[in-house]
PDB file of N, CA and C in Angstrom:
ATOM      1  N   UNK A   1     -75.499 -31.656  26.096  1.00  0.00           N
ATOM      2  CA  UNK A   1     -76.067 -32.732  25.272  1.00  0.00           C
ATOM      3  C   UNK A   1     -75.156 -33.946  25.373  1.00  0.00           C
ATOM      4  N   UNK A   2     -75.732 -35.091  25.540  1.00  0.00           N
ATOM      5  CA  UNK A   2     -74.954 -36.322  25.646  1.00  0.00           C
ATOM      6  C   UNK A   2     -75.334 -37.273  24.506  1.00  0.00           C
ATOM      7  N   UNK A   3     -74.330 -37.698  23.758  1.00  0.00           N
ATOM      8  CA  UNK A   3     -74.485 -38.686  22.687  1.00  0.00           C
ATOM      9  C   UNK A   3     -73.292 -39.623  22.813  1.00  0.00           C
ATOM     10  N   UNK A   4     -73.553 -40.913  22.845  1.00  0.00           N
ATOM     11  CA  UNK A   4     -72.458 -41.874  22.993  1.00  0.00           C
ATOM     12  C   UNK A   4     -71.527 -41.819  21.791  1.00  0.00           C
ATOM     13  N   UNK A   5     -70.321 -42.320  21.993  1.00  0.00           N
ATOM     14  CA  UNK A   5     -69.343 -42.349  20.905  1.00  0.00           C
ATOM     15  C   UNK A   5     -69.879 -43.154  19.724  1.00  0.00           C
ATOM     16  N   UNK A   6     -70.528 -44.266  20.009  1.00  0.00           N
ATOM     17  CA  UNK A   6     -71.060 -45.122  18.943  1.00  0.00           C
ATOM     18  C   UNK A   6     -72.167 -44.416  18.168  1.00  0.00           C
ATOM     19  N   UNK A   7     -73.061 -43.739  18.898  1.00  0.00           N
ATOM     20  CA  UNK A   7     -74.149 -43.032  18.227  1.00  0.00           C
ATOM     21  C   UNK A   7     -73.599 -41.859  17.410  1.00  0.00           C
ATOM     22  N   UNK A   8     -72.606 -41.165  17.939  1.00  0.00           N
ATOM     23  CA  UNK A   8     -72.007 -40.047  17.211  1.00  0.00           C
ATOM     24  C   UNK A   8     -71.363 -40.546  15.922  1.00  0.00           C
ATOM     25  N   UNK A   9     -70.652 -41.666  15.984  1.00  0.00           N
ATOM     26  CA  UNK A   9     -70.058 -42.236  14.772  1.00  0.00           C
ATOM     27  C   UNK A   9     -71.135 -42.594  13.758  1.00  0.00           C
ATOM     28  N   UNK A  10     -72.279 -43.083  14.242  1.00  0.00           N
ATOM     29  CA  UNK A  10     -73.385 -43.401  13.339  1.00  0.00           C
ATOM     30  C   UNK A  10     -73.937 -42.127  12.689  1.00  0.00           C
ATOM     31  N   UNK A  11     -73.952 -41.020  13.431  1.00  0.00           N
ATOM     32  CA  UNK A  11     -74.406 -39.755  12.854  1.00  0.00           C
ATOM     33  C   UNK A  11     -73.446 -39.275  11.765  1.00  0.00           C
ATOM     34  N   UNK A  12     -72.152 -39.441  11.995  1.00  0.00           N
ATOM     35  CA  UNK A  12     -71.163 -39.080  10.970  1.00  0.00           C
ATOM     36  C   UNK A  12     -71.352 -39.967   9.737  1.00  0.00           C
ATOM     37  N   UNK A  13     -71.549 -41.258   9.956  1.00  0.00           N
ATOM     38  CA  UNK A  13     -71.772 -42.174   8.831  1.00  0.00           C
ATOM     39  C   UNK A  13     -73.029 -41.790   8.056  1.00  0.00           C
ATOM     40  N   UNK A  14     -74.095 -41.417   8.759  1.00  0.00           N
ATOM     41  CA  UNK A  14     -75.330 -41.006   8.097  1.00  0.00           C
ATOM     42  C   UNK A  14     -75.103 -39.726   7.292  1.00  0.00           C
ATOM     43  N   UNK A  15     -74.323 -38.794   7.836  1.00  0.00           N
ATOM     44  CA  UNK A  15     -74.022 -37.560   7.102  1.00  0.00           C
ATOM     45  C   UNK A  15     -73.254 -37.878   5.820  1.00  0.00           C
ATOM     46  N   UNK A  16     -72.330 -38.835   5.907  1.00  0.00           N
ATOM     47  CA  UNK A  16     -71.574 -39.239   4.721  1.00  0.00           C
ATOM     48  C   UNK A  16     -72.473 -39.899   3.684  1.00  0.00           C
ATOM     49  N   UNK A  17     -73.391 -40.725   4.156  1.00  0.00           N
ATOM     50  CA  UNK A  17     -74.311 -41.394   3.240  1.00  0.00           C
ATOM     51  C   UNK A  17     -75.247 -40.408   2.553  1.00  0.00           C
ATOM     52  N   UNK A  18     -75.494 -39.267   3.190  1.00  0.00           N
ATOM     53  CA  UNK A  18     -76.401 -38.268   2.627  1.00  0.00           C
ATOM     54  C   UNK A  18     -75.737 -37.389   1.562  1.00  0.00           C
ATOM     55  N   UNK A  19     -74.415 -37.485   1.445  1.00  0.00           N
ATOM     56  CA  UNK A  19     -73.715 -36.717   0.411  1.00  0.00           C
ATOM     57  C   UNK A  19     -74.174 -37.255  -0.948  1.00  0.00           C
ATOM     58  N   UNK A  20     -74.598 -36.377  -1.843  1.00  0.00           N
ATOM     59  CA  UNK A  20     -75.065 -36.850  -3.159  1.00  0.00           C
ATOM     60  C   UNK A  20     -74.035 -37.744  -3.845  1.00  0.00           C
ATOM     61  N   UNK A  21     -74.508 -38.790  -4.486  1.00  0.00           N
ATOM     62  CA  UNK A  21     -73.649 -39.780  -5.126  1.00  0.00           C
ATOM     63  C   UNK A  21     -72.668 -39.155  -6.102  1.00  0.00           C
ATOM     64  N   UNK A  22     -73.138 -38.171  -6.880  1.00  0.00           N
ATOM     65  CA  UNK A  22     -72.252 -37.556  -7.878  1.00  0.00           C
ATOM     66  C   UNK A  22     -71.093 -36.805  -7.232  1.00  0.00           C
ATOM     67  N   UNK A  23     -71.255 -36.374  -5.990  1.00  0.00           N
ATOM     68  CA  UNK A  23     -70.158 -35.737  -5.256  1.00  0.00           C
ATOM     69  C   UNK A  23     -69.330 -36.792  -4.530  1.00  0.00           C
ATOM     70  N   UNK A  24     -70.001 -37.723  -3.885  1.00  0.00           N
ATOM     71  CA  UNK A  24     -69.305 -38.763  -3.114  1.00  0.00           C
ATOM     72  C   UNK A  24     -68.352 -39.577  -3.980  1.00  0.00           C
ATOM     73  N   UNK A  25     -68.715 -39.840  -5.212  1.00  0.00           N
ATOM     74  CA  UNK A  25     -67.847 -40.654  -6.074  1.00  0.00           C
ATOM     75  C   UNK A  25     -66.568 -39.907  -6.465  1.00  0.00           C
ATOM     76  N   UNK A  26     -66.562 -38.577  -6.305  1.00  0.00           N
ATOM     77  CA  UNK A  26     -65.375 -37.791  -6.622  1.00  0.00           C
ATOM     78  C   UNK A  26     -64.397 -37.681  -5.451  1.00  0.00           C
ATOM     79  N   UNK A  27     -64.858 -38.023  -4.256  1.00  0.00           N
ATOM     80  CA  UNK A  27     -63.974 -38.004  -3.087  1.00  0.00           C
ATOM     81  C   UNK A  27     -62.935 -39.103  -3.299  1.00  0.00           C
ATOM     82  N   UNK A  28     -61.669 -38.721  -3.217  1.00  0.00           N
ATOM     83  CA  UNK A  28     -60.600 -39.651  -3.583  1.00  0.00           C
ATOM     84  C   UNK A  28     -59.525 -39.705  -2.505  1.00  0.00           C
ATOM     85  N   UNK A  29     -59.251 -40.920  -2.037  1.00  0.00           N
ATOM     86  CA  UNK A  29     -58.145 -41.183  -1.115  1.00  0.00           C
ATOM     87  C   UNK A  29     -58.294 -40.387   0.192  1.00  0.00           C
ATOM     88  N   UNK A  30     -59.448 -40.568   0.843  1.00  0.00           N
ATOM     89  CA  UNK A  30     -59.753 -39.867   2.089  1.00  0.00           C
ATOM     90  C   UNK A  30     -60.256 -40.870   3.119  1.00  0.00           C
ATOM     91  N   UNK A  31     -59.779 -40.731   4.355  1.00  0.00           N
ATOM     92  CA  UNK A  31     -60.332 -41.496   5.471  1.00  0.00           C
ATOM     93  C   UNK A  31     -61.057 -40.525   6.393  1.00  0.00           C
ATOM     94  N   UNK A  32     -62.131 -40.997   6.985  1.00  0.00           N
ATOM     95  CA  UNK A  32     -62.923 -40.203   7.919  1.00  0.00           C
ATOM     96  C   UNK A  32     -62.721 -40.773   9.311  1.00  0.00           C
ATOM     97  N   UNK A  33     -62.440 -39.884  10.257  1.00  0.00           N
ATOM     98  CA  UNK A  33     -62.114 -40.288  11.622  1.00  0.00           C
ATOM     99  C   UNK A  33     -62.969 -39.467  12.580  1.00  0.00           C
ATOM    100  N   UNK A  34     -63.411 -40.104  13.649  1.00  0.00           N
ATOM    101  CA  UNK A  34     -64.082 -39.389  14.729  1.00  0.00           C
ATOM    102  C   UNK A  34     -63.159 -39.443  15.933  1.00  0.00           C
ATOM    103  N   UNK A  35     -62.885 -38.276  16.494  1.00  0.00           N
ATOM    104  CA  UNK A  35     -62.062 -38.168  17.706  1.00  0.00           C
ATOM    105  C   UNK A  35     -62.907 -37.511  18.790  1.00  0.00           C
ATOM    106  N   UNK A  36     -62.661 -37.855  20.039  1.00  0.00           N
ATOM    107  CA  UNK A  36     -63.454 -37.231  21.101  1.00  0.00           C
ATOM    108  C   UNK A  36     -63.161 -35.743  21.268  1.00  0.00           C
ATOM    109  N   UNK A  37     -61.916 -35.363  21.220  1.00  0.00           N
ATOM    110  CA  UNK A  37     -61.538 -33.983  21.513  1.00  0.00           C
ATOM    111  C   UNK A  37     -60.716 -33.374  20.390  1.00  0.00           C
ATOM    112  N   UNK A  38     -60.889 -32.079  20.235  1.00  0.00           N
ATOM    113  CA  UNK A  38     -60.103 -31.311  19.272  1.00  0.00           C
ATOM    114  C   UNK A  38     -58.703 -31.101  19.835  1.00  0.00           C
ATOM    115  N   UNK A  39     -57.774 -30.652  19.007  1.00  0.00           N
ATOM    116  CA  UNK A  39     -56.420 -30.379  19.491  1.00  0.00           C
ATOM    117  C   UNK A  39     -56.441 -29.359  20.636  1.00  0.00           C
ATOM    118  N   UNK A  40     -55.506 -29.487  21.547  1.00  0.00           N
ATOM    119  CA  UNK A  40     -55.426 -28.623  22.721  1.00  0.00           C
ATOM    120  C   UNK A  40     -55.333 -27.144  22.322  1.00  0.00           C
ATOM    121  N   UNK A  41     -54.639 -26.862  21.235  1.00  0.00           N
ATOM    122  CA  UNK A  41     -54.467 -25.470  20.816  1.00  0.00           C
ATOM    123  C   UNK A  41     -55.698 -24.884  20.113  1.00  0.00           C
ATOM    124  N   UNK A  42     -56.730 -25.713  19.846  1.00  0.00           N
ATOM    125  CA  UNK A  42     -57.967 -25.237  19.220  1.00  0.00           C
ATOM    126  C   UNK A  42     -59.141 -26.091  19.720  1.00  0.00           C
ATOM    127  N   UNK A  43     -59.460 -25.985  21.018  1.00  0.00           N
ATOM    128  CA  UNK A  43     -60.422 -26.902  21.637  1.00  0.00           C
ATOM    129  C   UNK A  43     -61.851 -26.806  21.113  1.00  0.00           C
ATOM    130  N   UNK A  44     -62.192 -25.744  20.395  1.00  0.00           N
ATOM    131  CA  UNK A  44     -63.544 -25.594  19.858  1.00  0.00           C
ATOM    132  C   UNK A  44     -63.664 -26.010  18.395  1.00  0.00           C
ATOM    133  N   UNK A  45     -62.588 -26.555  17.844  1.00  0.00           N
ATOM    134  CA  UNK A  45     -62.591 -27.007  16.454  1.00  0.00           C
ATOM    135  C   UNK A  45     -63.578 -28.158  16.290  1.00  0.00           C
ATOM    136  N   UNK A  46     -64.418 -28.062  15.282  1.00  0.00           N
ATOM    137  CA  UNK A  46     -65.438 -29.093  15.056  1.00  0.00           C
ATOM    138  C   UNK A  46     -64.965 -30.181  14.098  1.00  0.00           C
ATOM    139  N   UNK A  47     -64.148 -29.793  13.121  1.00  0.00           N
ATOM    140  CA  UNK A  47     -63.653 -30.746  12.142  1.00  0.00           C
ATOM    141  C   UNK A  47     -62.369 -30.231  11.530  1.00  0.00           C
ATOM    142  N   UNK A  48     -61.646 -31.140  10.885  1.00  0.00           N
ATOM    143  CA  UNK A  48     -60.368 -30.760  10.296  1.00  0.00           C
ATOM    144  C   UNK A  48     -60.101 -31.605   9.058  1.00  0.00           C
ATOM    145  N   UNK A  49     -59.728 -30.923   7.981  1.00  0.00           N
ATOM    146  CA  UNK A  49     -59.271 -31.603   6.764  1.00  0.00           C
ATOM    147  C   UNK A  49     -57.762 -31.481   6.710  1.00  0.00           C
ATOM    148  N   UNK A  50     -57.087 -32.613   6.543  1.00  0.00           N
ATOM    149  CA  UNK A  50     -55.635 -32.634   6.392  1.00  0.00           C
ATOM    150  C   UNK A  50     -55.310 -33.427   5.136  1.00  0.00           C
ATOM    151  N   UNK A  51     -54.637 -32.788   4.216  1.00  0.00           N
ATOM    152  CA  UNK A  51     -54.283 -33.490   2.996  1.00  0.00           C
ATOM    153  C   UNK A  51     -54.018 -32.537   1.853  1.00  0.00           C
ATOM    154  N   UNK A  52     -54.091 -33.084   0.672  1.00  0.00           N
ATOM    155  CA  UNK A  52     -53.861 -32.309  -0.549  1.00  0.00           C
ATOM    156  C   UNK A  52     -55.183 -32.260  -1.303  1.00  0.00           C
ATOM    157  N   UNK A  53     -55.759 -31.071  -1.388  1.00  0.00           N
ATOM    158  CA  UNK A  53     -57.048 -30.900  -2.062  1.00  0.00           C
ATOM    159  C   UNK A  53     -56.965 -31.380  -3.505  1.00  0.00           C
ATOM    160  N   UNK A  54     -58.084 -31.826  -4.016  1.00  0.00           N
ATOM    161  CA  UNK A  54     -58.126 -32.306  -5.402  1.00  0.00           C
ATOM    162  C   UNK A  54     -57.626 -31.242  -6.378  1.00  0.00           C
ATOM    163  N   UNK A  55     -57.883 -29.984  -6.080  1.00  0.00           N
ATOM    164  CA  UNK A  55     -57.480 -28.899  -6.967  1.00  0.00           C
ATOM    165  C   UNK A  55     -55.972 -28.663  -6.955  1.00  0.00           C
ATOM    166  N   UNK A  56     -55.264 -29.248  -5.998  1.00  0.00           N
ATOM    167  CA  UNK A  56     -53.814 -29.063  -5.894  1.00  0.00           C
ATOM    168  C   UNK A  56     -53.022 -30.309  -6.295  1.00  0.00           C
ATOM    169  N   UNK A  57     -53.715 -31.373  -6.595  1.00  0.00           N
ATOM    170  CA  UNK A  57     -53.022 -32.604  -6.978  1.00  0.00           C
ATOM    171  C   UNK A  57     -52.548 -32.517  -8.415  1.00  0.00           C
ATOM    172  N   UNK A  58     -51.366 -33.091  -8.639  1.00  0.00           N
ATOM    173  CA  UNK A  58     -50.810 -33.110  -9.990  1.00  0.00           C
ATOM    174  C   UNK A  58     -50.247 -34.495 -10.276  1.00  0.00           C
ATOM    175  N   UNK A  59     -49.439 -34.610 -11.291  1.00  0.00           N
ATOM    176  CA  UNK A  59     -48.900 -35.915 -11.693  1.00  0.00           C
ATOM    177  C   UNK A  59     -47.956 -36.507 -10.651  1.00  0.00           C
ATOM    178  N   UNK A  60     -47.512 -35.711  -9.697  1.00  0.00           N
ATOM    179  CA  UNK A  60     -46.638 -36.218  -8.633  1.00  0.00           C
ATOM    180  C   UNK A  60     -47.421 -36.824  -7.479  1.00  0.00           C
ATOM    181  N   UNK A  61     -48.743 -36.768  -7.556  1.00  0.00           N
ATOM    182  CA  UNK A  61     -49.594 -37.314  -6.500  1.00  0.00           C
ATOM    183  C   UNK A  61     -49.779 -38.812  -6.747  1.00  0.00           C
ATOM    184  N   UNK A  62     -48.806 -39.600  -6.275  1.00  0.00           N
ATOM    185  CA  UNK A  62     -48.857 -41.059  -6.404  1.00  0.00           C
ATOM    186  C   UNK A  62     -48.377 -41.671  -5.096  1.00  0.00           C
ATOM    187  N   UNK A  63     -48.896 -42.828  -4.775  1.00  0.00           N
ATOM    188  CA  UNK A  63     -48.508 -43.568  -3.572  1.00  0.00           C
ATOM    189  C   UNK A  63     -48.502 -42.654  -2.339  1.00  0.00           C
ATOM    190  N   UNK A  64     -49.561 -41.860  -2.230  1.00  0.00           N
ATOM    191  CA  UNK A  64     -49.679 -40.892  -1.154  1.00  0.00           C
ATOM    192  C   UNK A  64     -50.633 -41.423  -0.093  1.00  0.00           C
ATOM    193  N   UNK A  65     -50.286 -41.201   1.175  1.00  0.00           N
ATOM    194  CA  UNK A  65     -51.187 -41.592   2.250  1.00  0.00           C
ATOM    195  C   UNK A  65     -52.514 -40.863   2.086  1.00  0.00           C
ATOM    196  N   UNK A  66     -53.601 -41.462   2.557  1.00  0.00           N
ATOM    197  CA  UNK A  66     -54.907 -40.804   2.394  1.00  0.00           C
ATOM    198  C   UNK A  66     -54.989 -39.481   3.141  1.00  0.00           C
ATOM    199  N   UNK A  67     -55.785 -38.574   2.578  1.00  0.00           N
ATOM    200  CA  UNK A  67     -56.156 -37.368   3.297  1.00  0.00           C
ATOM    201  C   UNK A  67     -56.985 -37.818   4.505  1.00  0.00           C
ATOM    202  N   UNK A  68     -57.072 -36.934   5.498  1.00  0.00           N
ATOM    203  CA  UNK A  68     -57.839 -37.241   6.708  1.00  0.00           C
ATOM    204  C   UNK A  68     -58.881 -36.158   6.951  1.00  0.00           C
ATOM    205  N   UNK A  69     -60.094 -36.600   7.187  1.00  0.00           N
ATOM    206  CA  UNK A  69     -61.136 -35.705   7.672  1.00  0.00           C
ATOM    207  C   UNK A  69     -61.500 -36.200   9.059  1.00  0.00           C
ATOM    208  N   UNK A  70     -61.292 -35.328  10.041  1.00  0.00           N
ATOM    209  CA  UNK A  70     -61.577 -35.671  11.426  1.00  0.00           C
ATOM    210  C   UNK A  70     -62.746 -34.825  11.903  1.00  0.00           C
ATOM    211  N   UNK A  71     -63.697 -35.481  12.574  1.00  0.00           N
ATOM    212  CA  UNK A  71     -64.833 -34.809  13.194  1.00  0.00           C
ATOM    213  C   UNK A  71     -64.659 -34.981  14.699  1.00  0.00           C
ATOM    214  N   UNK A  72     -64.758 -33.866  15.428  1.00  0.00           N
ATOM    215  CA  UNK A  72     -64.513 -33.867  16.869  1.00  0.00           C
ATOM    216  C   UNK A  72     -65.834 -33.865  17.641  1.00  0.00           C
ATOM    217  N   UNK A  73     -66.049 -34.918  18.400  1.00  0.00           N
ATOM    218  CA  UNK A  73     -67.318 -35.156  19.096  1.00  0.00           C
ATOM    219  C   UNK A  73     -67.607 -34.135  20.199  1.00  0.00           C
ATOM    220  N   UNK A  74     -66.733 -33.988  21.152  1.00  0.00           N
ATOM    221  CA  UNK A  74     -67.035 -33.142  22.312  1.00  0.00           C
ATOM    222  C   UNK A  74     -67.290 -31.671  21.957  1.00  0.00           C
ATOM    223  N   UNK A  75     -66.516 -31.057  21.078  1.00  0.00           N
ATOM    224  CA  UNK A  75     -66.837 -29.665  20.717  1.00  0.00           C
ATOM    225  C   UNK A  75     -68.225 -29.509  20.096  1.00  0.00           C
ATOM    226  N   UNK A  76     -68.619 -30.471  19.274  1.00  0.00           N
ATOM    227  CA  UNK A  76     -69.956 -30.409  18.679  1.00  0.00           C
ATOM    228  C   UNK A  76     -71.013 -30.572  19.765  1.00  0.00           C
ATOM    229  N   UNK A  77     -70.814 -31.531  20.656  1.00  0.00           N
ATOM    230  CA  UNK A  77     -71.803 -31.745  21.715  1.00  0.00           C
ATOM    231  C   UNK A  77     -71.911 -30.541  22.639  1.00  0.00           C
ATOM    232  N   UNK A  78     -70.791 -29.871  22.906  1.00  0.00           N
ATOM    233  CA  UNK A  78     -70.815 -28.692  23.784  1.00  0.00           C
ATOM    234  C   UNK A  78     -71.647 -27.551  23.201  1.00  0.00           C
ATOM    235  N   UNK A  79     -71.690 -27.441  21.891  1.00  0.00           N
ATOM    236  CA  UNK A  79     -72.394 -26.314  21.277  1.00  0.00           C
ATOM    237  C   UNK A  79     -73.857 -26.611  20.976  1.00  0.00           C
ATOM    238  N   UNK A  80     -74.284 -27.847  21.195  1.00  0.00           N
ATOM    239  CA  UNK A  80     -75.649 -28.245  20.840  1.00  0.00           C
ATOM    240  C   UNK A  80     -76.482 -28.547  22.085  1.00  0.00           C
ATOM    241  N   UNK A  81     -77.756 -28.134  22.036  1.00  0.00           N
ATOM    242  CA  UNK A  81     -78.662 -28.370  23.164  1.00  0.00           C
ATOM    243  C   UNK A  81     -79.591 -29.558  22.923  1.00  0.00           C
ATOM    244  N   UNK A  82     -79.786 -29.931  21.652  1.00  0.00           N
ATOM    245  CA  UNK A  82     -80.705 -31.025  21.336  1.00  0.00           C
ATOM    246  C   UNK A  82     -80.055 -32.003  20.364  1.00  0.00           C
ATOM    247  N   UNK A  83     -80.646 -33.176  20.271  1.00  0.00           N
ATOM    248  CA  UNK A  83     -80.143 -34.176  19.322  1.00  0.00           C
ATOM    249  C   UNK A  83     -80.263 -33.657  17.890  1.00  0.00           C
ATOM    250  N   UNK A  84     -81.353 -32.971  17.581  1.00  0.00           N
ATOM    251  CA  UNK A  84     -81.515 -32.410  16.234  1.00  0.00           C
ATOM    252  C   UNK A  84     -80.391 -31.433  15.900  1.00  0.00           C
ATOM    253  N   UNK A  85     -79.978 -30.627  16.867  1.00  0.00           N
ATOM    254  CA  UNK A  85     -78.860 -29.707  16.644  1.00  0.00           C
ATOM    255  C   UNK A  85     -77.571 -30.481  16.394  1.00  0.00           C
ATOM    256  N   UNK A  86     -77.372 -31.583  17.113  1.00  0.00           N
ATOM    257  CA  UNK A  86     -76.176 -32.404  16.899  1.00  0.00           C
ATOM    258  C   UNK A  86     -76.185 -32.963  15.482  1.00  0.00           C
ATOM    259  N   UNK A  87     -77.314 -33.515  15.063  1.00  0.00           N
ATOM    260  CA  UNK A  87     -77.416 -34.066  13.701  1.00  0.00           C
ATOM    261  C   UNK A  87     -77.107 -32.983  12.678  1.00  0.00           C
ATOM    262  N   UNK A  88     -77.675 -31.799  12.863  1.00  0.00           N
ATOM    263  CA  UNK A  88     -77.438 -30.694  11.935  1.00  0.00           C
ATOM    264  C   UNK A  88     -75.969 -30.300  11.913  1.00  0.00           C
ATOM    265  N   UNK A  89     -75.357 -30.144  13.079  1.00  0.00           N
ATOM    266  CA  UNK A  89     -73.962 -29.690  13.147  1.00  0.00           C
ATOM    267  C   UNK A  89     -73.004 -30.739  12.586  1.00  0.00           C
ATOM    268  N   UNK A  90     -73.283 -32.021  12.830  1.00  0.00           N
ATOM    269  CA  UNK A  90     -72.453 -33.085  12.246  1.00  0.00           C
ATOM    270  C   UNK A  90     -72.533 -33.013  10.727  1.00  0.00           C
ATOM    271  N   UNK A  91     -73.724 -32.844  10.202  1.00  0.00           N
ATOM    272  CA  UNK A  91     -73.899 -32.758   8.750  1.00  0.00           C
ATOM    273  C   UNK A  91     -73.146 -31.562   8.177  1.00  0.00           C
ATOM    274  N   UNK A  92     -73.290 -30.410   8.803  1.00  0.00           N
ATOM    275  CA  UNK A  92     -72.594 -29.208   8.342  1.00  0.00           C
ATOM    276  C   UNK A  92     -71.080 -29.419   8.387  1.00  0.00           C
ATOM    277  N   UNK A  93     -70.598 -30.029   9.472  1.00  0.00           N
ATOM    278  CA  UNK A  93     -69.154 -30.243   9.620  1.00  0.00           C
ATOM    279  C   UNK A  93     -68.626 -31.204   8.560  1.00  0.00           C
ATOM    280  N   UNK A  94     -69.341 -32.279   8.312  1.00  0.00           N
ATOM    281  CA  UNK A  94     -68.905 -33.243   7.294  1.00  0.00           C
ATOM    282  C   UNK A  94     -68.862 -32.576   5.919  1.00  0.00           C
ATOM    283  N   UNK A  95     -69.913 -31.844   5.563  1.00  0.00           N
ATOM    284  CA  UNK A  95     -69.948 -31.154   4.266  1.00  0.00           C
ATOM    285  C   UNK A  95     -68.814 -30.131   4.180  1.00  0.00           C
ATOM    286  N   UNK A  96     -68.602 -29.395   5.255  1.00  0.00           N
ATOM    287  CA  UNK A  96     -67.550 -28.375   5.301  1.00  0.00           C
ATOM    288  C   UNK A  96     -66.179 -28.989   5.014  1.00  0.00           C
ATOM    289  N   UNK A  97     -65.878 -30.100   5.676  1.00  0.00           N
ATOM    290  CA  UNK A  97     -64.557 -30.723   5.505  1.00  0.00           C
ATOM    291  C   UNK A  97     -64.413 -31.377   4.133  1.00  0.00           C
ATOM    292  N   UNK A  98     -65.474 -31.970   3.627  1.00  0.00           N
ATOM    293  CA  UNK A  98     -65.421 -32.531   2.264  1.00  0.00           C
ATOM    294  C   UNK A  98     -65.176 -31.399   1.258  1.00  0.00           C
ATOM    295  N   UNK A  99     -65.791 -30.254   1.490  1.00  0.00           N
ATOM    296  CA  UNK A  99     -65.584 -29.107   0.600  1.00  0.00           C
ATOM    297  C   UNK A  99     -64.105 -28.704   0.559  1.00  0.00           C
ATOM    298  N   UNK A 100     -63.422 -28.764   1.705  1.00  0.00           N
ATOM    299  CA  UNK A 100     -61.983 -28.479   1.707  1.00  0.00           C
ATOM    300  C   UNK A 100     -61.239 -29.472   0.814  1.00  0.00           C
ATOM    301  N   UNK A 101     -61.666 -30.724   0.804  1.00  0.00           N
ATOM    302  CA  UNK A 101     -61.064 -31.740  -0.063  1.00  0.00           C
ATOM    303  C   UNK A 101     -61.185 -31.327  -1.536  1.00  0.00           C
ATOM    304  N   UNK A 102     -62.273 -30.609  -1.848  1.00  0.00           N
ATOM    305  CA  UNK A 102     -62.489 -30.130  -3.213  1.00  0.00           C
ATOM    306  C   UNK A 102     -61.850 -28.765  -3.454  1.00  0.00           C
ATOM    307  N   UNK A 103     -61.121 -28.261  -2.469  1.00  0.00           N
ATOM    308  CA  UNK A 103     -60.398 -27.006  -2.640  1.00  0.00           C
ATOM    309  C   UNK A 103     -61.200 -25.757  -2.325  1.00  0.00           C
ATOM    310  N   UNK A 104     -62.328 -25.900  -1.682  1.00  0.00           N
ATOM    311  CA  UNK A 104     -63.160 -24.745  -1.332  1.00  0.00           C
ATOM    312  C   UNK A 104     -62.685 -24.199   0.010  1.00  0.00           C
ATOM    313  N   UNK A 105     -62.415 -22.890   0.064  1.00  0.00           N
ATOM    314  CA  UNK A 105     -61.864 -22.311   1.291  1.00  0.00           C
ATOM    315  C   UNK A 105     -62.970 -21.858   2.257  1.00  0.00           C
ATOM    316  N   UNK A 106     -62.557 -21.506   3.476  1.00  0.00           N
ATOM    317  CA  UNK A 106     -63.501 -21.129   4.528  1.00  0.00           C
ATOM    318  C   UNK A 106     -64.358 -19.931   4.151  1.00  0.00           C
ATOM    319  N   UNK A 107     -63.794 -18.934   3.504  1.00  0.00           N
ATOM    320  CA  UNK A 107     -64.582 -17.758   3.130  1.00  0.00           C
ATOM    321  C   UNK A 107     -65.746 -18.143   2.225  1.00  0.00           C
ATOM    322  N   UNK A 108     -65.484 -18.963   1.236  1.00  0.00           N
ATOM    323  CA  UNK A 108     -66.547 -19.395   0.313  1.00  0.00           C
ATOM    324  C   UNK A 108     -67.573 -20.261   1.043  1.00  0.00           C
ATOM    325  N   UNK A 109     -67.105 -21.134   1.949  1.00  0.00           N
ATOM    326  CA  UNK A 109     -68.022 -21.966   2.718  1.00  0.00           C
ATOM    327  C   UNK A 109     -68.942 -21.120   3.589  1.00  0.00           C
ATOM    328  N   UNK A 110     -68.409 -20.070   4.192  1.00  0.00           N
ATOM    329  CA  UNK A 110     -69.236 -19.162   4.987  1.00  0.00           C
ATOM    330  C   UNK A 110     -70.292 -18.499   4.096  1.00  0.00           C
ATOM    331  N   UNK A 111     -69.894 -18.089   2.902  1.00  0.00           N
ATOM    332  CA  UNK A 111     -70.831 -17.483   1.963  1.00  0.00           C
ATOM    333  C   UNK A 111     -71.956 -18.451   1.609  1.00  0.00           C
ATOM    334  N   UNK A 112     -71.638 -19.733   1.540  1.00  0.00           N
ATOM    335  CA  UNK A 112     -72.620 -20.758   1.183  1.00  0.00           C
ATOM    336  C   UNK A 112     -73.439 -21.254   2.360  1.00  0.00           C
ATOM    337  N   UNK A 113     -73.106 -20.800   3.574  1.00  0.00           N
ATOM    338  CA  UNK A 113     -73.839 -21.214   4.764  1.00  0.00           C
ATOM    339  C   UNK A 113     -73.291 -22.440   5.443  1.00  0.00           C
ATOM    340  N   UNK A 114     -72.072 -22.823   5.105  1.00  0.00           N
ATOM    341  CA  UNK A 114     -71.433 -23.988   5.724  1.00  0.00           C
ATOM    342  C   UNK A 114     -70.238 -23.579   6.560  1.00  0.00           C
ATOM    343  N   UNK A 115     -70.325 -22.415   7.192  1.00  0.00           N
ATOM    344  CA  UNK A 115     -69.206 -21.901   7.989  1.00  0.00           C
ATOM    345  C   UNK A 115     -69.187 -22.466   9.322  1.00  0.00           C
TER     346      UNK A 115
END
């Protein structure tokens, strides 16, 4: 499946816009990044949350660099055969990584269908 970098970024933006407002307004101090490739040591990684989950923040959480949610384009494209599959996988990946920001772990996400 081939999707340009610009179109893929637009799909990530659309997935972010689709997050319900009551959840989106709770996302705090996070930047979203699209990278072409996943880290060499995990080439099939679709997304990555790096930061301090909201459930772990305390009074010492001040003047902290933003958390990062990265979505990896090529791994998603490799696993998808159609544009609809790409849209679906981007949405799942964005929701999955935002859930980590809220302190939800992979086991629970798998139970919810966002694995």
